[in-house]
Amino acid sequence: MAEVTEQQDELSVETAFQELDRLADRLEDQETSLEESFALYKKGMELLKYCSEKLDTVEKKMLQINEDGTFSEFSK
């Protein structure tokens, strides 16, 4: 698991989503063994968690510019 975490630190969100697409394709392949499917699923869930955390971080950092030129946190 440490290897996956180290690799994730270097991943962009776009690359992580591409990897998720690749994992999904492999999971849909009928030639993929059950054991390999479990490993792919676990890796996919770790990537999803990584993406979610990255997106949450970006969302928290988003700012909006007020009419007077000052910044405030972005709100919906």
Protein backbone atom coordinates (compact mmCIF):
# COMPACT_ATOMS: atom_id res chain seq x y z
CA MET A 1 0.00 0.00 0.00
CA ALA A 2 2.90 2.38 0.65
CA GLU A 3 3.92 1.97 -2.99
CA VAL A 4 0.47 3.05 -4.16
CA THR A 5 0.52 6.05 -1.82
CA GLU A 6 3.96 7.12 -3.07
CA GLN A 7 2.81 6.79 -6.66
CA GLN A 8 -0.34 8.78 -5.91
CA ASP A 9 1.69 11.69 -4.55
CA GLU A 10 3.12 12.10 -8.04
CA LEU A 11 -0.20 11.66 -9.91
CA SER A 12 -2.26 14.46 -11.31
CA VAL A 13 -6.00 14.08 -10.94
CA GLU A 14 -6.30 13.66 -14.71
CA THR A 15 -3.76 10.83 -14.68
CA ALA A 16 -5.56 9.17 -11.77
CA PHE A 17 -8.86 9.30 -13.69
CA GLN A 18 -7.15 7.78 -16.75
CA GLU A 19 -5.81 4.99 -14.54
CA LEU A 20 -9.32 4.44 -13.15
CA ASP A 21 -10.63 4.09 -16.72
CA ARG A 22 -7.90 1.56 -17.46
CA LEU A 23 -8.72 -0.40 -14.30
CA ALA A 24 -12.43 -0.39 -15.18
CA ASP A 25 -11.64 -1.79 -18.63
CA ARG A 26 -9.57 -4.57 -17.08
CA LEU A 27 -12.33 -5.35 -14.56
CA GLU A 28 -14.82 -5.69 -17.42
CA ASP A 29 -12.53 -8.11 -19.27
CA GLN A 30 -13.85 -11.64 -18.79
CA GLU A 31 -10.27 -12.96 -18.93
CA THR A 32 -9.41 -11.17 -15.66
CA SER A 33 -9.24 -13.66 -12.79
CA LEU A 34 -11.26 -13.19 -9.63
CA GLU A 35 -8.10 -12.67 -7.59
CA GLU A 36 -6.83 -10.02 -10.02
CA SER A 37 -10.27 -8.38 -9.99
CA PHE A 38 -10.08 -7.97 -6.22
CA ALA A 39 -6.62 -6.38 -6.52
CA LEU A 40 -7.81 -4.06 -9.30
CA TYR A 41 -10.87 -3.10 -7.27
CA LYS A 42 -8.73 -2.29 -4.22
CA LYS A 43 -6.38 -0.14 -6.31
CA GLY A 44 -9.38 1.60 -7.90
CA MET A 45 -10.86 2.41 -4.51
CA GLU A 46 -7.52 3.86 -3.37
CA LEU A 47 -7.38 6.01 -6.52
CA LEU A 48 -10.95 7.19 -5.96
CA LYS A 49 -10.08 8.21 -2.40
CA TYR A 50 -7.00 10.05 -3.69
CA CYS A 51 -9.05 11.91 -6.33
CA SER A 52 -11.72 12.82 -3.82
CA GLU A 53 -9.14 14.21 -1.40
CA LYS A 54 -7.43 16.20 -4.17
CA LEU A 55 -10.72 17.67 -5.36
CA ASP A 56 -11.71 18.56 -1.79
CA THR A 57 -8.39 20.36 -1.34
CA VAL A 58 -8.87 22.34 -4.54
CA GLU A 59 -12.43 23.21 -3.59
CA LYS A 60 -11.29 24.55 -0.23
CA LYS A 61 -8.63 26.70 -1.90
CA MET A 62 -10.98 28.25 -4.42
CA LEU A 63 -11.48 31.92 -3.94
CA GLN A 64 -13.79 34.41 -5.55
CA ILE A 65 -12.97 38.01 -6.26
CA ASN A 66 -15.38 40.50 -4.70
CA GLU A 67 -16.48 43.70 -6.44
CA ASP A 68 -13.97 45.70 -4.38
CA GLY A 69 -11.08 43.47 -5.54
CA THR A 70 -10.72 41.54 -2.30
CA PHE A 71 -10.91 37.77 -2.09
CA SER A 72 -13.29 35.59 -0.12
CA GLU A 73 -13.84 31.86 -0.01
CA PHE A 74 -15.87 30.47 -2.85
CA SER A 75 -19.40 29.58 -1.80
CA LYS A 76 -22.19 27.90 -3.67
